[in-house]
Protein backbone atom coordinates (compact mmCIF):
# COMPACT_ATOMS: atom_id res chain seq x y z
CA UNK A 1 -6.04 -23.05 -71.61
CA UNK A 2 -5.56 -25.82 -69.05
CA UNK A 3 -6.49 -28.31 -71.82
CA UNK A 4 -9.64 -26.38 -72.84
CA UNK A 5 -10.41 -23.95 -75.67
CA UNK A 6 -11.72 -20.38 -75.99
CA UNK A 7 -12.97 -19.73 -79.61
CA UNK A 8 -15.48 -17.38 -81.39
CA UNK A 9 -18.25 -18.67 -83.50
CA UNK A 10 -15.96 -19.13 -86.47
CA UNK A 11 -13.67 -21.32 -84.31
CA UNK A 12 -10.96 -18.63 -84.30
CA UNK A 13 -8.84 -19.26 -81.05
CA UNK A 14 -9.14 -16.22 -78.69
CA UNK A 15 -5.97 -14.15 -77.97
CA UNK A 16 -5.71 -14.41 -74.16
CA UNK A 17 -3.62 -11.30 -73.48
CA UNK A 18 -5.04 -9.36 -70.49
CA UNK A 19 -4.77 -5.70 -69.62
CA UNK A 20 -1.81 -4.93 -67.19
CA UNK A 21 -3.08 -5.55 -63.54
CA UNK A 22 -4.42 -2.31 -62.10
CA UNK A 23 -4.89 -0.60 -65.56
CA UNK A 24 -8.15 0.16 -67.33
CA UNK A 25 -9.80 -3.15 -68.21
CA UNK A 26 -8.23 -5.18 -65.29
CA UNK A 27 -10.13 -6.66 -62.38
CA UNK A 28 -8.16 -4.59 -59.87
CA UNK A 29 -9.07 -1.42 -61.69
CA UNK A 30 -12.73 -2.31 -61.87
CA UNK A 31 -13.36 -3.75 -58.42
CA UNK A 32 -12.07 -3.37 -54.82
CA UNK A 33 -12.16 -7.03 -53.49
CA UNK A 34 -9.97 -7.91 -50.61
CA UNK A 35 -9.02 -11.56 -49.93
CA UNK A 36 -8.00 -12.06 -46.21
CA UNK A 37 -7.58 -15.65 -44.85
CA UNK A 38 -5.45 -14.42 -41.84
CA UNK A 39 -7.35 -14.10 -38.53
CA UNK A 40 -6.65 -10.91 -36.47
CA UNK A 41 -4.52 -11.73 -33.42
CA UNK A 42 -4.03 -9.78 -30.06
CA UNK A 43 -0.73 -7.97 -30.33
CA UNK A 44 -0.62 -6.48 -26.84
CA UNK A 45 -2.88 -5.51 -23.85
CA UNK A 46 -2.16 -2.16 -22.01
CA UNK A 47 -4.01 0.50 -19.96
CA UNK A 48 -4.47 4.11 -20.37
CA UNK A 49 -4.95 4.39 -16.62
CA UNK A 50 -1.99 5.75 -14.70
CA UNK A 51 0.25 3.46 -12.68
CA UNK A 52 -0.87 3.46 -9.06
CA UNK A 53 -3.14 1.81 -6.41
CA UNK A 54 -6.98 1.78 -6.86
CA UNK A 55 -9.73 1.05 -4.40
CA UNK A 56 -13.36 -0.08 -4.61
CA UNK A 57 -15.40 2.20 -7.06
CA UNK A 58 -12.33 3.28 -9.04
CA UNK A 59 -12.34 2.80 -12.87
CA UNK A 60 -9.45 1.18 -14.89
CA UNK A 61 -9.38 1.54 -18.65
CA UNK A 62 -7.88 -1.56 -20.49
CA UNK A 63 -6.89 -1.53 -24.08
CA UNK A 64 -6.64 -4.85 -26.25
CA UNK A 65 -4.60 -4.07 -29.36
CA UNK A 66 -5.21 -6.36 -32.47
CA UNK A 67 -2.96 -6.95 -35.52
CA UNK A 68 -5.78 -5.29 -37.71
CA UNK A 69 -9.04 -3.53 -37.36
CA UNK A 70 -11.85 -5.65 -35.97
CA UNK A 71 -15.60 -5.27 -35.57
CA UNK A 72 -17.41 -6.08 -32.44
CA UNK A 73 -20.79 -7.50 -31.69
CA UNK A 74 -22.33 -8.10 -28.24
CA UNK A 75 -20.24 -7.42 -25.07
CA UNK A 76 -16.97 -9.33 -25.03
CA UNK A 77 -15.25 -9.73 -21.62
CA UNK A 78 -11.83 -9.80 -20.19
CA UNK A 79 -11.11 -11.86 -16.96
CA UNK A 80 -8.66 -10.19 -14.67
CA UNK A 81 -6.28 -11.26 -11.89
CA UNK A 82 -8.21 -9.22 -9.33
CA UNK A 83 -11.15 -11.75 -9.68
CA UNK A 84 -13.20 -9.32 -11.79
CA UNK A 85 -14.46 -9.44 -15.36
CA UNK A 86 -13.99 -6.24 -17.44
CA UNK A 87 -16.59 -5.57 -20.11
CA UNK A 88 -15.98 -4.24 -23.68
CA UNK A 89 -16.77 -0.50 -23.99
CA UNK A 90 -15.65 0.80 -27.35
CA UNK A 91 -13.36 0.56 -30.32
CA UNK A 92 -15.36 -1.51 -32.86
CA UNK A 93 -13.96 -0.71 -36.35
CA UNK A 94 -10.44 0.00 -35.09
CA UNK A 95 -7.49 -2.21 -33.98
CA UNK A 96 -7.88 -1.19 -30.36
CA UNK A 97 -10.74 -2.30 -28.13
CA UNK A 98 -11.23 -0.71 -24.73
CA UNK A 99 -12.60 -2.64 -21.77
CA UNK A 100 -13.77 -0.84 -18.67
CA UNK A 101 -13.05 -2.25 -15.14
CA UNK A 102 -14.84 -0.76 -12.12
CA UNK A 103 -13.12 -2.05 -9.00
CA UNK A 104 -15.39 -4.07 -6.71
CA UNK A 105 -15.23 -4.61 -2.99
CA UNK A 106 -12.95 -7.40 -1.99
CA UNK A 107 -11.10 -7.50 -5.26
CA UNK A 108 -7.24 -7.36 -5.03
CA UNK A 109 -4.19 -7.59 -7.25
CA UNK A 110 -0.67 -6.84 -6.36
CA UNK A 111 0.40 -5.79 -9.85
CA UNK A 112 3.02 -7.28 -12.36
CA UNK A 113 5.71 -9.70 -11.50
CA UNK A 114 9.18 -9.96 -12.97
CA UNK A 115 9.51 -12.66 -15.52
CA UNK A 116 11.69 -15.60 -14.43
CA UNK A 117 14.12 -15.18 -17.31
CA UNK A 118 14.39 -11.42 -16.54
CA UNK A 119 15.53 -12.34 -13.06
CA UNK A 120 17.97 -15.13 -13.95
CA UNK A 121 19.45 -13.39 -17.07
CA UNK A 122 18.97 -9.66 -16.86
CA UNK A 123 21.25 -9.31 -19.93
CA UNK A 124 18.52 -10.91 -22.05
CA UNK A 125 15.80 -8.27 -21.34
CA UNK A 126 16.49 -6.41 -24.60
CA UNK A 127 17.79 -9.31 -26.64
CA UNK A 128 15.32 -10.47 -29.28
CA UNK A 129 17.30 -13.71 -29.80
CA UNK A 130 15.89 -14.84 -26.52
CA UNK A 131 12.23 -14.07 -27.17
CA UNK A 132 11.28 -17.78 -27.13
CA UNK A 133 12.26 -17.89 -23.50
CA UNK A 134 9.89 -15.17 -22.47
CA UNK A 135 6.40 -15.52 -21.10
CA UNK A 136 5.72 -11.85 -21.94
CA UNK A 137 5.13 -12.25 -25.70
CA UNK A 138 3.88 -8.73 -26.04
CA UNK A 139 7.11 -7.33 -24.76
CA UNK A 140 9.03 -9.75 -26.86
CA UNK A 141 7.19 -8.52 -30.03
CA UNK A 142 7.99 -4.94 -29.02
CA UNK A 143 11.63 -5.78 -28.70
CA UNK A 144 11.64 -7.43 -32.13
CA UNK A 145 10.15 -4.37 -33.63
CA UNK A 146 12.43 -1.99 -31.91
CA UNK A 147 9.67 -0.55 -29.70
CA UNK A 148 10.34 0.17 -26.05
CA UNK A 149 9.14 -2.44 -23.51
CA UNK A 150 5.85 -1.39 -21.76
CA UNK A 151 4.81 -2.57 -18.37
CA UNK A 152 1.89 -1.30 -16.30
CA UNK A 153 1.96 -1.25 -12.54
CA UNK A 154 -1.69 -1.06 -11.53
CA UNK A 155 -2.50 -2.29 -8.02
CA UNK A 156 -6.12 -3.14 -7.02
CA UNK A 157 -6.35 -2.69 -3.23
CA UNK A 158 -9.84 -2.70 -1.48
CA UNK A 159 -8.56 -3.68 1.94
CA UNK A 160 -8.38 -0.93 4.47
CA UNK A 161 -5.23 -0.76 6.61
CA UNK A 162 -5.66 -1.79 10.24
CA UNK A 163 -3.76 -1.12 13.54
CA UNK A 164 -1.51 -4.12 14.24
CA UNK A 165 -0.02 -3.05 17.55
CA UNK A 166 0.94 -0.07 19.75
CA UNK A 167 4.29 0.15 21.53
CA UNK A 168 6.93 2.62 22.71
CA UNK A 169 10.53 3.23 21.89
CA UNK A 170 10.95 4.77 25.31
CA UNK A 171 12.53 2.60 27.99
CA UNK A 172 10.48 1.13 30.79
CA UNK A 173 10.53 3.26 33.90
CA UNK A 174 8.91 6.22 35.72
CA UNK A 175 8.53 9.55 34.13
CA UNK A 176 7.74 12.88 35.73
CA UNK A 177 6.31 16.21 34.34
CA UNK A 178 8.20 17.43 31.36
CA UNK A 179 9.57 14.07 30.29
CA UNK A 180 8.92 12.87 26.78
CA UNK A 181 7.53 9.47 25.80
CA UNK A 182 7.55 8.28 22.12
CA UNK A 183 4.62 6.02 21.21
CA UNK A 184 4.49 4.04 17.96
CA UNK A 185 1.31 2.94 16.28
CA UNK A 186 1.94 0.15 13.71
CA UNK A 187 -0.34 -0.57 10.73
CA UNK A 188 -0.85 -3.53 8.48
CA UNK A 189 0.56 -1.53 5.53
CA UNK A 190 2.10 1.85 4.65
CA UNK A 191 -0.22 4.73 5.26
CA UNK A 192 -0.27 8.43 4.48
CA UNK A 193 -1.19 10.96 7.10
CA UNK A 194 -2.87 14.41 6.75
CA UNK A 195 -3.59 16.75 9.58
CA UNK A 196 -2.86 15.67 13.18
CA UNK A 197 -4.44 12.55 14.35
CA UNK A 198 -4.47 12.11 18.16
CA UNK A 199 -4.18 9.29 20.78
CA UNK A 200 -5.95 9.52 24.13
CA UNK A 201 -3.96 8.03 27.05
CA UNK A 202 -5.17 6.70 30.47
CA UNK A 203 -2.73 9.38 32.12
CA UNK A 204 -5.32 11.99 31.18
CA UNK A 205 -3.27 13.37 28.16
CA UNK A 206 -4.15 13.41 24.44
CA UNK A 207 -1.05 13.25 22.24
CA UNK A 208 -0.57 14.40 18.75
CA UNK A 209 0.77 12.47 15.71
CA UNK A 210 4.45 13.48 15.09
CA UNK A 211 5.85 11.56 12.23
CA UNK A 212 5.87 8.39 10.03
CA UNK A 213 3.52 9.28 7.04
CA UNK A 214 4.44 7.00 4.09
CA UNK A 215 5.41 4.12 6.35
CA UNK A 216 3.63 1.48 8.29
CA UNK A 217 4.52 3.05 11.74
CA UNK A 218 3.17 6.38 13.03
CA UNK A 219 4.91 8.05 15.92
CA UNK A 220 3.11 10.14 18.55
CA UNK A 221 4.97 12.25 21.10
CA UNK A 222 3.83 12.44 24.67
CA UNK A 223 5.23 15.26 26.68
CA UNK A 224 4.19 14.57 30.40
CA UNK A 225 2.07 17.34 31.89
CA UNK A 226 1.56 18.38 35.47
CA UNK A 227 -0.99 16.37 37.41
CA UNK A 228 -1.04 13.41 34.92
CA UNK A 229 -0.52 9.96 36.31
CA UNK A 230 -0.70 6.36 35.25
CA UNK A 231 0.68 3.20 37.06
CA UNK A 232 0.93 1.53 33.60
CA UNK A 233 0.65 3.84 30.62
CA UNK A 234 -1.80 2.75 28.00
CA UNK A 235 -4.52 4.40 25.87
CA UNK A 236 -8.11 4.77 27.18
CA UNK A 237 -9.86 2.24 24.97
CA UNK A 238 -10.24 0.73 21.49
CA UNK A 239 -11.54 3.91 20.10
CA UNK A 240 -8.65 6.16 21.52
CA UNK A 241 -6.92 6.76 18.08
CA UNK A 242 -8.88 9.54 16.38
CA UNK A 243 -8.47 11.46 13.08
CA UNK A 244 -8.78 14.93 14.66
CA UNK A 245 -9.95 16.26 11.28
CA UNK A 246 -7.15 14.63 9.52
CA UNK A 247 -6.92 11.28 7.47
CA UNK A 248 -4.90 8.07 7.59
CA UNK A 249 -5.09 6.17 4.35
CA UNK A 250 -3.19 3.71 2.26
CA UNK A 251 -1.80 4.31 -1.26
CA UNK A 252 -5.09 3.31 -2.80
CA UNK A 253 -6.74 5.91 -0.44
CA UNK A 254 -8.64 3.42 1.56
CA UNK A 255 -9.42 4.94 4.90
CA UNK A 256 -7.63 3.13 7.81
CA UNK A 257 -9.69 1.20 10.45
CA UNK A 258 -8.51 2.79 13.63
CA UNK A 259 -9.72 0.26 16.18
CA UNK A 260 -7.08 -0.63 18.74
CA UNK A 261 -6.67 -3.71 20.79
CA UNK A 262 -8.28 -3.56 24.33
CA UNK A 263 -6.08 -1.84 26.91
CA UNK A 264 -3.71 -4.33 28.46
CA UNK A 265 -4.38 -7.02 25.82
CA UNK A 266 -1.88 -8.32 23.32
CA UNK A 267 -1.00 -5.59 20.88
CA UNK A 268 -1.66 -2.72 23.29
CA UNK A 269 0.76 -0.23 24.73
CA UNK A 270 0.19 -1.43 28.33
CA UNK A 271 0.94 -5.05 27.30
CA UNK A 272 4.20 -4.15 25.44
CA UNK A 273 5.76 -1.63 27.94
CA UNK A 274 5.97 -0.89 31.68
CA UNK A 275 5.88 2.91 31.74
CA UNK A 276 4.77 4.72 34.83
CA UNK A 277 3.57 8.43 34.75
CA UNK A 278 4.12 10.09 38.20
CA UNK A 279 3.94 13.80 38.41
CA UNK A 280 3.12 13.87 42.34
CA UNK A 281 6.14 14.94 44.40
CA UNK A 282 6.54 12.77 47.58
CA UNK A 283 5.77 14.47 50.88
CA UNK A 284 7.29 14.09 54.36
CA UNK A 285 4.95 12.48 56.88
CA UNK A 286 5.77 11.51 60.46
CA UNK A 287 9.24 11.72 62.14
CA UNK A 288 10.22 9.07 64.76
CA UNK A 289 13.18 7.23 66.06
CA UNK A 290 14.11 3.67 66.38
CA UNK A 291 16.50 4.45 69.28
CA UNK A 292 15.08 3.71 72.70
CA UNK A 293 13.94 6.41 74.99
CA UNK A 294 16.60 7.53 77.37
CA UNK A 295 19.47 9.95 78.02
CA UNK A 296 22.55 9.85 75.57
CA UNK A 297 25.88 11.44 76.01
CA UNK A 298 28.49 12.82 73.49
CA UNK A 299 29.34 10.39 70.68
CA UNK A 300 26.18 8.34 71.19
CA UNK A 301 24.05 7.51 68.05
CA UNK A 302 20.38 8.25 67.71
CA UNK A 303 18.64 6.94 64.62
CA UNK A 304 15.79 9.12 63.29
CA UNK A 305 13.22 7.98 60.63
CA UNK A 306 11.33 10.40 58.39
CA UNK A 307 8.38 8.62 56.53
CA UNK A 308 7.29 9.82 53.00
CA UNK A 309 4.16 9.42 51.04
CA UNK A 310 5.97 7.10 48.53
CA UNK A 311 9.32 5.51 48.08
CA UNK A 312 12.14 7.98 47.81
CA UNK A 313 15.52 7.69 45.82
CA UNK A 314 18.38 9.90 46.78
CA UNK A 315 22.04 10.31 47.66
CA UNK A 316 23.47 9.90 51.20
CA UNK A 317 24.07 13.65 51.52
CA UNK A 318 20.48 14.26 50.80
CA UNK A 319 19.35 11.81 53.40
CA UNK A 320 21.84 13.38 55.82
CA UNK A 321 20.37 16.84 55.35
CA UNK A 322 16.81 15.58 56.02
CA UNK A 323 18.00 14.16 59.27
C-alpha cells in the first residue's frame, strides 16, 4: 500500500493479489510493451567485398554491425582511411547497415596493419584475458564469444605503376650477331603482364618481353641480328616500350604508364650500361711495310703492315698467317 489505502465504497480493504505474470488478466498477457534503455552499439565493421586491390571506379561494400536492430533515417556516412566517405545504402530495420564506397581518383589505402600487442606478444592473439590491451575491440569481442577473428585486407590503389629505370644484367662490352643481351625494365611496383610487350632499341631491333610478371622487374631478351649496330645500346625514345596487344597492370588492374627516361638520361639503358652492338666484320685494306726500300739477304727482317677497317683482336698465330 506504500502508506495508502485501496477500499471499496463500504470501506472494505481491497485484496491486492494479482494474476500470475503472463497469465490471463496480467499486464504482460494483455499488452506487448518493451522497456529498453540500452543504446545500440556497434559490434563490428566488416566488408562483403573480397580481399584484394581496387582501383578508381571500383565499389566496396562495407557492413556496420550493431548489437540490435536499428532504424535509419537520412544518409549516415562512414569516413574511410582512403580519404573518402562511404554513404549508407541499406539495412534499416536490421542489425546490419551497409555502406557503399565507390573508389575515387587519387584515393589510396594500404590495408590493415598488425596491432602492436600482436607483434610484441603473438601468444596473446587468442587469449581473451588480454583483450584490454588490444586496439581491435571487434576482434577482442569475437575472441570472448569464441568466434574466429576476422580481418579484411582491402587495398585501395588508384596510382598507375610507372617505369623507374631500364638496365641490363649483361656485362659491358661489344656483341656480335647471335649474341644475347638481357634487358631489365624496373617498375615502381609489382606488375602483371599479359601478351608480349616489346621494347624498340637503337640498334634497329625490337625485342620481346621474356619474364618477370608478378614482380616489379620485367626482362626483355635481345638476340643480336645480322646488320644491327649501336655504339651505345639504348632504346629509341621515351615511347619505345609498347604493349603489342598485351597489358602491363598492377594488382588493382591500373594500367602501367610506359613512358621511359630520355635515351642517355638517368634511368635509361644507355646511361646505365656501355654495350656496343657490332655485326660488321672488319675488312683488310692497304698493305705496306715500315722497312726501308732496298735489297735484303737471308735472315734479314722485313716488317709488313696490313690495315683493317677497324681495330682487330687476335692471337699471334693469326697475325702471322695474315703476314
